[in-house]
Amino acid sequence: MTLTEYQRNLVWPLSIFAIISINLYIDPNDKIWWMVWYISIFNTFLYPFSKEMVETIALKYTTREYWHRGIWYDTPAKNPVYATYYIFCYLIAIPASAVYFLMTVFSKKGHS
């Protein structure tokens, strides 16, 4: 993953982090929002790795063309699927990033 890809993939998690921060600002005494806010700090910066890991695994078993035809054809009806995908990647960012780093380390060891 390049720095440009990483920065481009920070748009959605920063938006989610802003929403969580606004909710925390509205009710600063809610301990649950504080916990969610602390976790979202990590998720925000790990999200690009999570997204990369999900895409790597998906492309291991399918082709790029598969994701641009049939039910995956780009239409307005696909937007809820995108939203669900982005939230899914955000929620699993911490464990998925750990898996991504392990996959990266082991794949580089095999090529050495």
Protein backbone atom coordinates (compact mmCIF):
# COMPACT_ATOMS: atom_id res chain seq x y z
CA MET A 1 0.00 0.00 0.00
CA THR A 2 1.37 3.39 -0.96
CA LEU A 3 1.05 6.58 1.07
CA THR A 4 -1.39 8.00 -1.50
CA GLU A 5 -3.66 4.95 -1.21
CA TYR A 6 -3.49 5.16 2.58
CA GLN A 7 -4.45 8.84 2.57
CA ARG A 8 -7.26 8.28 0.06
CA ASN A 9 -8.68 5.51 2.25
CA LEU A 10 -8.77 7.76 5.33
CA VAL A 11 -11.79 9.76 4.12
CA TRP A 12 -14.48 7.38 5.39
CA PRO A 13 -12.91 6.54 8.76
CA LEU A 14 -12.25 10.21 9.50
CA SER A 15 -15.92 10.91 8.76
CA ILE A 16 -17.01 8.17 11.15
CA PHE A 17 -14.54 9.44 13.76
CA ALA A 18 -16.00 12.96 13.40
CA ILE A 19 -19.53 11.65 13.99
CA ILE A 20 -18.40 9.75 17.08
CA SER A 21 -16.55 12.83 18.34
CA ILE A 22 -19.65 14.99 17.88
CA ASN A 23 -21.73 12.48 19.85
CA LEU A 24 -19.10 12.54 22.59
CA TYR A 25 -19.13 16.35 22.60
CA ILE A 26 -22.93 16.37 22.96
CA ASP A 27 -22.86 13.96 25.91
CA PRO A 28 -19.37 14.00 27.49
CA ASN A 29 -20.54 12.16 30.63
CA ASP A 30 -21.49 8.98 28.80
CA LYS A 31 -18.77 6.42 29.53
CA ILE A 32 -19.77 4.22 26.59
CA TRP A 33 -19.14 7.06 24.11
CA TRP A 34 -15.69 7.55 25.64
CA MET A 35 -14.88 3.87 25.13
CA VAL A 36 -16.19 3.97 21.56
CA TRP A 37 -14.16 7.14 20.93
CA TYR A 38 -10.89 5.56 22.15
CA ILE A 39 -11.44 2.46 20.03
CA SER A 40 -12.34 4.58 17.01
CA ILE A 41 -8.98 6.36 17.21
CA PHE A 42 -7.24 3.05 16.44
CA ASN A 43 -9.87 2.00 13.91
CA THR A 44 -9.53 5.27 12.02
CA PHE A 45 -5.85 4.77 11.28
CA LEU A 46 -6.06 1.00 10.80
CA TYR A 47 -9.07 1.13 8.44
CA PRO A 48 -7.00 1.37 5.21
CA PHE A 49 -5.15 -1.83 6.14
CA SER A 50 -8.42 -3.57 6.96
CA LYS A 51 -9.87 -2.57 3.60
CA GLU A 52 -6.73 -3.74 1.80
CA MET A 53 -6.87 -7.11 3.60
CA VAL A 54 -10.52 -7.69 2.70
CA GLU A 55 -9.84 -6.78 -0.94
CA THR A 56 -6.75 -9.00 -1.07
CA ILE A 57 -8.67 -11.99 0.23
CA ALA A 58 -11.64 -11.31 -2.09
CA LEU A 59 -9.36 -11.06 -5.13
CA LYS A 60 -7.57 -14.26 -4.14
CA TYR A 61 -10.78 -16.20 -4.83
CA THR A 62 -12.36 -14.02 -7.54
CA THR A 63 -11.29 -11.73 -10.39
CA ARG A 64 -11.49 -7.93 -10.67
CA GLU A 65 -13.95 -8.29 -13.54
CA TYR A 66 -16.35 -10.22 -11.28
CA TRP A 67 -16.83 -7.14 -9.09
CA HIS A 68 -17.85 -4.95 -12.06
CA ARG A 69 -20.57 -7.03 -13.68
CA GLY A 70 -23.86 -8.73 -12.84
CA ILE A 71 -25.20 -7.81 -9.41
CA TRP A 72 -22.03 -5.80 -8.71
CA TYR A 73 -22.51 -3.52 -11.74
CA ASP A 74 -22.12 0.15 -10.72
CA THR A 75 -25.63 1.50 -10.17
CA PRO A 76 -27.23 3.69 -7.50
CA ALA A 77 -28.60 0.51 -5.92
CA LYS A 78 -25.01 -0.51 -5.13
CA ASN A 79 -24.49 2.44 -2.72
CA PRO A 80 -25.98 0.67 0.34
CA VAL A 81 -23.63 -2.24 -0.36
CA TYR A 82 -20.68 0.18 -0.38
CA ALA A 83 -21.83 1.74 2.90
CA THR A 84 -22.17 -1.69 4.52
CA TYR A 85 -18.72 -2.66 3.23
CA TYR A 86 -17.07 0.50 4.60
CA ILE A 87 -18.70 0.10 8.02
CA PHE A 88 -17.75 -3.59 8.09
CA CYS A 89 -14.11 -2.72 7.34
CA TYR A 90 -14.20 -0.03 10.03
CA LEU A 91 -15.61 -2.39 12.67
CA ILE A 92 -13.05 -5.12 12.00
CA ALA A 93 -10.11 -2.73 11.52
CA ILE A 94 -8.07 -3.82 14.55
CA PRO A 95 -8.11 -7.62 14.01
CA ALA A 96 -8.06 -7.33 10.21
CA SER A 97 -5.02 -5.05 10.32
CA ALA A 98 -3.18 -7.60 12.43
CA VAL A 99 -3.99 -10.26 9.83
CA TYR A 100 -2.91 -7.90 7.02
CA PHE A 101 0.46 -7.26 8.68
CA LEU A 102 1.00 -11.00 9.20
CA MET A 103 0.08 -11.70 5.57
CA THR A 104 2.51 -9.01 4.43
CA VAL A 105 5.36 -10.29 6.59
CA PHE A 106 4.91 -13.92 5.57
CA SER A 107 4.48 -13.12 1.88
CA LYS A 108 7.73 -11.11 1.90
CA LYS A 109 9.57 -13.92 3.71
CA GLY A 110 8.52 -16.34 0.98
CA HIS A 111 9.94 -14.06 -1.72
CA SER A 112 13.32 -13.52 -0.04
